PDB file of all heavy atoms in Angstrom:
ATOM      1  N   ARG A   1      -7.591 -44.955  51.677  1.00  0.00           N
ATOM      2  CA  ARG A   1      -7.889 -45.511  50.375  1.00  0.00           C
ATOM      3  C   ARG A   1      -6.839 -45.071  49.362  1.00  0.00           C
ATOM      4  O   ARG A   1      -5.993 -44.206  49.642  1.00  0.00           O
ATOM      5  CB  ARG A   1      -9.280 -45.065  49.926  1.00  0.00           C
ATOM      6  CG  ARG A   1     -10.407 -45.589  50.814  1.00  0.00           C
ATOM      7  CD  ARG A   1     -11.737 -45.016  50.364  1.00  0.00           C
ATOM      8  NE  ARG A   1     -11.739 -43.546  50.472  1.00  0.00           N
ATOM      9  CZ  ARG A   1     -12.714 -42.771  50.028  1.00  0.00           C
ATOM     10  NH1 ARG A   1     -13.779 -43.327  49.443  1.00  0.00           N
ATOM     11  NH2 ARG A   1     -12.640 -41.469  50.170  1.00  0.00           N
ATOM     12  N   THR A   2      -6.923 -45.625  48.143  1.00  0.00           N
ATOM     13  CA  THR A   2      -5.900 -45.363  47.135  1.00  0.00           C
ATOM     14  C   THR A   2      -5.853 -43.875  46.770  1.00  0.00           C
ATOM     15  O   THR A   2      -4.762 -43.287  46.663  1.00  0.00           O
ATOM     16  CB  THR A   2      -6.189 -46.193  45.876  1.00  0.00           C
ATOM     17  OG1 THR A   2      -6.230 -47.581  46.243  1.00  0.00           O
ATOM     18  CG2 THR A   2      -5.111 -45.992  44.828  1.00  0.00           C
ATOM     19  N   VAL A   3      -6.992 -43.245  46.589  1.00  0.00           N
ATOM     20  CA  VAL A   3      -7.020 -41.830  46.206  1.00  0.00           C
ATOM     21  C   VAL A   3      -6.398 -40.974  47.307  1.00  0.00           C
ATOM     22  O   VAL A   3      -5.621 -40.037  47.033  1.00  0.00           O
ATOM     23  CB  VAL A   3      -8.462 -41.390  45.921  1.00  0.00           C
ATOM     24  CG1 VAL A   3      -8.526 -39.894  45.620  1.00  0.00           C
ATOM     25  CG2 VAL A   3      -9.041 -42.182  44.760  1.00  0.00           C
ATOM     26  N   GLU A   4      -6.690 -41.267  48.549  1.00  0.00           N
ATOM     27  CA  GLU A   4      -6.133 -40.484  49.647  1.00  0.00           C
ATOM     28  C   GLU A   4      -4.627 -40.687  49.770  1.00  0.00           C
ATOM     29  O   GLU A   4      -3.892 -39.755  50.152  1.00  0.00           O
ATOM     30  CB  GLU A   4      -6.830 -40.868  50.954  1.00  0.00           C
ATOM     31  CG  GLU A   4      -8.303 -40.459  50.989  1.00  0.00           C
ATOM     32  CD  GLU A   4      -8.993 -40.891  52.261  1.00  0.00           C
ATOM     33  OE1 GLU A   4      -8.951 -42.094  52.579  1.00  0.00           O
ATOM     34  OE2 GLU A   4      -9.573 -40.017  52.942  1.00  0.00           O
ATOM     35  N   ILE A   5      -4.150 -41.886  49.437  1.00  0.00           N
ATOM     36  CA  ILE A   5      -2.700 -42.126  49.449  1.00  0.00           C
ATOM     37  C   ILE A   5      -2.007 -41.233  48.425  1.00  0.00           C
ATOM     38  O   ILE A   5      -0.941 -40.649  48.684  1.00  0.00           O
ATOM     39  CB  ILE A   5      -2.405 -43.612  49.172  1.00  0.00           C
ATOM     40  CG1 ILE A   5      -2.945 -44.504  50.299  1.00  0.00           C
ATOM     41  CG2 ILE A   5      -0.904 -43.853  49.016  1.00  0.00           C
ATOM     42  CD1 ILE A   5      -2.853 -45.987  50.020  1.00  0.00           C
ATOM     43  N   VAL A   6      -2.638 -41.120  47.251  1.00  0.00           N
ATOM     44  CA  VAL A   6      -2.068 -40.247  46.212  1.00  0.00           C
ATOM     45  C   VAL A   6      -2.034 -38.795  46.702  1.00  0.00           C
ATOM     46  O   VAL A   6      -1.031 -38.076  46.501  1.00  0.00           O
ATOM     47  CB  VAL A   6      -2.879 -40.379  44.911  1.00  0.00           C
ATOM     48  CG1 VAL A   6      -2.392 -39.368  43.868  1.00  0.00           C
ATOM     49  CG2 VAL A   6      -2.763 -41.799  44.363  1.00  0.00           C
ATOM     50  N   TRP A   7      -3.078 -38.336  47.361  1.00  0.00           N
ATOM     51  CA  TRP A   7      -3.103 -36.971  47.873  1.00  0.00           C
ATOM     52  C   TRP A   7      -2.043 -36.754  48.947  1.00  0.00           C
ATOM     53  O   TRP A   7      -1.441 -35.661  49.043  1.00  0.00           O
ATOM     54  CB  TRP A   7      -4.483 -36.630  48.419  1.00  0.00           C
ATOM     55  CG  TRP A   7      -5.474 -36.266  47.356  1.00  0.00           C
ATOM     56  CD1 TRP A   7      -6.568 -36.951  46.972  1.00  0.00           C
ATOM     57  CD2 TRP A   7      -5.419 -35.096  46.536  1.00  0.00           C
ATOM     58  NE1 TRP A   7      -7.223 -36.312  45.949  1.00  0.00           N
ATOM     59  CE2 TRP A   7      -6.546 -35.155  45.661  1.00  0.00           C
ATOM     60  CE3 TRP A   7      -4.545 -33.998  46.433  1.00  0.00           C
ATOM     61  CZ2 TRP A   7      -6.806 -34.167  44.721  1.00  0.00           C
ATOM     62  CZ3 TRP A   7      -4.822 -33.013  45.490  1.00  0.00           C
ATOM     63  CH2 TRP A   7      -5.927 -33.108  44.643  1.00  0.00           C
ATOM     64  N   VAL A   8      -1.770 -37.753  49.779  1.00  0.00           N
ATOM     65  CA  VAL A   8      -0.693 -37.643  50.773  1.00  0.00           C
ATOM     66  C   VAL A   8       0.649 -37.482  50.077  1.00  0.00           C
ATOM     67  O   VAL A   8       1.503 -36.669  50.474  1.00  0.00           O
ATOM     68  CB  VAL A   8      -0.685 -38.875  51.700  1.00  0.00           C
ATOM     69  CG1 VAL A   8       0.549 -38.873  52.599  1.00  0.00           C
ATOM     70  CG2 VAL A   8      -1.937 -38.891  52.566  1.00  0.00           C
ATOM     71  N   GLY A   9       0.871 -38.250  48.989  1.00  0.00           N
ATOM     72  CA  GLY A   9       2.108 -38.123  48.235  1.00  0.00           C
ATOM     73  C   GLY A   9       2.246 -36.748  47.595  1.00  0.00           C
ATOM     74  O   GLY A   9       3.340 -36.138  47.630  1.00  0.00           O
ATOM     75  N   VAL A  10       1.144 -36.229  47.013  1.00  0.00           N
ATOM     76  CA  VAL A  10       1.177 -34.898  46.392  1.00  0.00           C
ATOM     77  C   VAL A  10       1.447 -33.839  47.452  1.00  0.00           C
ATOM     78  O   VAL A  10       2.260 -32.908  47.245  1.00  0.00           O
ATOM     79  CB  VAL A  10      -0.142 -34.630  45.653  1.00  0.00           C
ATOM     80  CG1 VAL A  10      -0.218 -33.177  45.186  1.00  0.00           C
ATOM     81  CG2 VAL A  10      -0.292 -35.587  44.473  1.00  0.00           C
ATOM     82  N   ALA A  11       0.766 -33.969  48.610  1.00  0.00           N
ATOM     83  CA  ALA A  11       0.959 -32.985  49.686  1.00  0.00           C
ATOM     84  C   ALA A  11       2.400 -33.007  50.198  1.00  0.00           C
ATOM     85  O   ALA A  11       3.007 -31.953  50.471  1.00  0.00           O
ATOM     86  CB  ALA A  11      -0.018 -33.264  50.821  1.00  0.00           C
ATOM     87  N   SER A  12       2.995 -34.190  50.324  1.00  0.00           N
ATOM     88  CA  SER A  12       4.381 -34.284  50.796  1.00  0.00           C
ATOM     89  C   SER A  12       5.333 -33.633  49.806  1.00  0.00           C
ATOM     90  O   SER A  12       6.246 -32.863  50.186  1.00  0.00           O
ATOM     91  CB  SER A  12       4.759 -35.758  50.996  1.00  0.00           C
ATOM     92  OG  SER A  12       3.927 -36.359  51.969  1.00  0.00           O
ATOM     93  N   SER A  13       5.146 -33.921  48.508  1.00  0.00           N
ATOM     94  CA  SER A  13       6.029 -33.348  47.498  1.00  0.00           C
ATOM     95  C   SER A  13       5.882 -31.832  47.434  1.00  0.00           C
ATOM     96  O   SER A  13       6.883 -31.089  47.354  1.00  0.00           O
ATOM     97  CB  SER A  13       5.733 -33.980  46.139  1.00  0.00           C
ATOM     98  OG  SER A  13       6.565 -33.449  45.140  1.00  0.00           O
ATOM     99  N   MET A  14       4.632 -31.323  47.450  1.00  0.00           N
ATOM    100  CA  MET A  14       4.398 -29.882  47.357  1.00  0.00           C
ATOM    101  C   MET A  14       4.926 -29.176  48.612  1.00  0.00           C
ATOM    102  O   MET A  14       5.470 -28.057  48.526  1.00  0.00           O
ATOM    103  CB  MET A  14       2.904 -29.604  47.188  1.00  0.00           C
ATOM    104  CG  MET A  14       2.334 -30.110  45.871  1.00  0.00           C
ATOM    105  SD  MET A  14       3.174 -29.349  44.433  1.00  0.00           S
ATOM    106  CE  MET A  14       2.726 -27.646  44.649  1.00  0.00           C
ATOM    107  N   THR A  15       4.774 -29.818  49.787  1.00  0.00           N
ATOM    108  CA  THR A  15       5.287 -29.198  51.021  1.00  0.00           C
ATOM    109  C   THR A  15       6.795 -29.043  50.948  1.00  0.00           C
ATOM    110  O   THR A  15       7.365 -27.995  51.316  1.00  0.00           O
ATOM    111  CB  THR A  15       4.899 -30.051  52.227  1.00  0.00           C
ATOM    112  OG1 THR A  15       3.468 -30.160  52.290  1.00  0.00           O
ATOM    113  CG2 THR A  15       5.408 -29.420  53.520  1.00  0.00           C
ATOM    114  N   HIS A  16       7.485 -30.081  50.474  1.00  0.00           N
ATOM    115  CA  HIS A  16       8.932 -29.992  50.352  1.00  0.00           C
ATOM    116  C   HIS A  16       9.330 -28.932  49.336  1.00  0.00           C
ATOM    117  O   HIS A  16      10.283 -28.161  49.540  1.00  0.00           O
ATOM    118  CB  HIS A  16       9.508 -31.359  49.957  1.00  0.00           C
ATOM    119  CG  HIS A  16      11.008 -31.327  49.819  1.00  0.00           C
ATOM    120  ND1 HIS A  16      11.639 -31.273  48.584  1.00  0.00           N
ATOM    121  CD2 HIS A  16      12.006 -31.308  50.759  1.00  0.00           C
ATOM    122  CE1 HIS A  16      12.947 -31.264  48.763  1.00  0.00           C
ATOM    123  NE2 HIS A  16      13.202 -31.279  50.073  1.00  0.00           N
ATOM    124  N   LEU A  17       8.615 -28.860  48.213  1.00  0.00           N
ATOM    125  CA  LEU A  17       8.905 -27.877  47.171  1.00  0.00           C
ATOM    126  C   LEU A  17       8.748 -26.459  47.723  1.00  0.00           C
ATOM    127  O   LEU A  17       9.630 -25.597  47.537  1.00  0.00           O
ATOM    128  CB  LEU A  17       7.986 -28.103  45.982  1.00  0.00           C
ATOM    129  CG  LEU A  17       8.102 -27.101  44.823  1.00  0.00           C
ATOM    130  CD1 LEU A  17       9.491 -27.171  44.190  1.00  0.00           C
ATOM    131  CD2 LEU A  17       7.027 -27.356  43.770  1.00  0.00           C
ATOM    132  N   MET A  18       7.627 -26.176  48.388  1.00  0.00           N
ATOM    133  CA  MET A  18       7.392 -24.844  48.930  1.00  0.00           C
ATOM    134  C   MET A  18       8.396 -24.511  50.035  1.00  0.00           C
ATOM    135  O   MET A  18       8.851 -23.375  50.155  1.00  0.00           O
ATOM    136  CB  MET A  18       5.961 -24.756  49.483  1.00  0.00           C
ATOM    137  CG  MET A  18       4.894 -24.941  48.427  1.00  0.00           C
ATOM    138  SD  MET A  18       4.984 -23.678  47.108  1.00  0.00           S
ATOM    139  CE  MET A  18       4.665 -22.206  48.057  1.00  0.00           C
ATOM    140  N   LEU A  19       8.774 -25.524  50.833  1.00  0.00           N
ATOM    141  CA  LEU A  19       9.720 -25.294  51.911  1.00  0.00           C
ATOM    142  C   LEU A  19      11.092 -24.896  51.363  1.00  0.00           C
ATOM    143  O   LEU A  19      11.717 -23.934  51.832  1.00  0.00           O
ATOM    144  CB  LEU A  19       9.830 -26.550  52.770  1.00  0.00           C
ATOM    145  CG  LEU A  19      10.493 -26.407  54.143  1.00  0.00           C
ATOM    146  CD1 LEU A  19       9.641 -25.495  55.036  1.00  0.00           C
ATOM    147  CD2 LEU A  19      10.666 -27.775  54.795  1.00  0.00           C
ATOM    148  N   VAL A  20      11.549 -25.620  50.342  1.00  0.00           N
ATOM    149  CA  VAL A  20      12.865 -25.324  49.753  1.00  0.00           C
ATOM    150  C   VAL A  20      12.853 -23.949  49.097  1.00  0.00           C
ATOM    151  O   VAL A  20      13.775 -23.124  49.275  1.00  0.00           O
ATOM    152  CB  VAL A  20      13.255 -26.421  48.753  1.00  0.00           C
ATOM    153  CG1 VAL A  20      14.517 -26.016  47.994  1.00  0.00           C
ATOM    154  CG2 VAL A  20      13.467 -27.733  49.493  1.00  0.00           C
ATOM    155  N   LEU A  21      11.817 -23.645  48.316  1.00  0.00           N
ATOM    156  CA  LEU A  21      11.750 -22.351  47.620  1.00  0.00           C
ATOM    157  C   LEU A  21      11.617 -21.203  48.615  1.00  0.00           C
ATOM    158  O   LEU A  21      12.187 -20.114  48.423  1.00  0.00           O
ATOM    159  CB  LEU A  21      10.582 -22.357  46.635  1.00  0.00           C
ATOM    160  CG  LEU A  21      10.715 -23.305  45.434  1.00  0.00           C
ATOM    161  CD1 LEU A  21       9.468 -23.240  44.569  1.00  0.00           C
ATOM    162  CD2 LEU A  21      11.951 -22.942  44.607  1.00  0.00           C
ATOM    163  N   ALA A  22      10.821 -21.410  49.677  1.00  0.00           N
ATOM    164  CA  ALA A  22      10.591 -20.325  50.640  1.00  0.00           C
ATOM    165  C   ALA A  22      11.889 -19.910  51.316  1.00  0.00           C
ATOM    166  O   ALA A  22      12.171 -18.706  51.475  1.00  0.00           O
ATOM    167  CB  ALA A  22       9.564 -20.753  51.673  1.00  0.00           C
ATOM    168  N   PHE A  23      12.713 -20.875  51.736  1.00  0.00           N
ATOM    169  CA  PHE A  23      13.959 -20.518  52.424  1.00  0.00           C
ATOM    170  C   PHE A  23      15.060 -20.129  51.448  1.00  0.00           C
ATOM    171  O   PHE A  23      15.870 -19.235  51.717  1.00  0.00           O
ATOM    172  CB  PHE A  23      14.421 -21.697  53.295  1.00  0.00           C
ATOM    173  CG  PHE A  23      13.640 -21.838  54.572  1.00  0.00           C
ATOM    174  CD1 PHE A  23      12.723 -22.858  54.729  1.00  0.00           C
ATOM    175  CD2 PHE A  23      13.813 -20.928  55.603  1.00  0.00           C
ATOM    176  CE1 PHE A  23      11.994 -22.980  55.902  1.00  0.00           C
ATOM    177  CE2 PHE A  23      13.086 -21.052  56.787  1.00  0.00           C
ATOM    178  CZ  PHE A  23      12.172 -22.071  56.929  1.00  0.00           C
ATOM    179  N   THR A  24      15.106 -20.791  50.307  1.00  0.00           N
ATOM    180  CA  THR A  24      16.191 -20.513  49.357  1.00  0.00           C
ATOM    181  C   THR A  24      16.043 -19.128  48.740  1.00  0.00           C
ATOM    182  O   THR A  24      17.026 -18.388  48.571  1.00  0.00           O
ATOM    183  CB  THR A  24      16.227 -21.587  48.259  1.00  0.00           C
ATOM    184  OG1 THR A  24      16.379 -22.867  48.872  1.00  0.00           O
ATOM    185  CG2 THR A  24      17.381 -21.338  47.302  1.00  0.00           C
ATOM    186  N   LEU A  25      14.816 -18.757  48.407  1.00  0.00           N
ATOM    187  CA  LEU A  25      14.571 -17.473  47.744  1.00  0.00           C
ATOM    188  C   LEU A  25      14.301 -16.350  48.741  1.00  0.00           C
ATOM    189  O   LEU A  25      14.010 -15.226  48.330  1.00  0.00           O
ATOM    190  CB  LEU A  25      13.375 -17.611  46.791  1.00  0.00           C
ATOM    191  CG  LEU A  25      13.562 -18.658  45.667  1.00  0.00           C
ATOM    192  CD1 LEU A  25      12.322 -18.713  44.784  1.00  0.00           C
ATOM    193  CD2 LEU A  25      14.793 -18.319  44.824  1.00  0.00           C
ATOM    194  N   GLY A  26      14.348 -16.645  50.028  1.00  0.00           N
ATOM    195  CA  GLY A  26      14.197 -15.599  51.024  1.00  0.00           C
ATOM    196  C   GLY A  26      12.772 -15.262  51.347  1.00  0.00           C
ATOM    197  O   GLY A  26      12.513 -14.216  51.952  1.00  0.00           O
TER     198      GLY A  26
END
């Protein structure tokens, strides 16, 4: 549904953000 699509987008963006910060900042 539309709400779940939005949550998939938020989860994808947050996963990428945490992944970049986790490796970049050690």
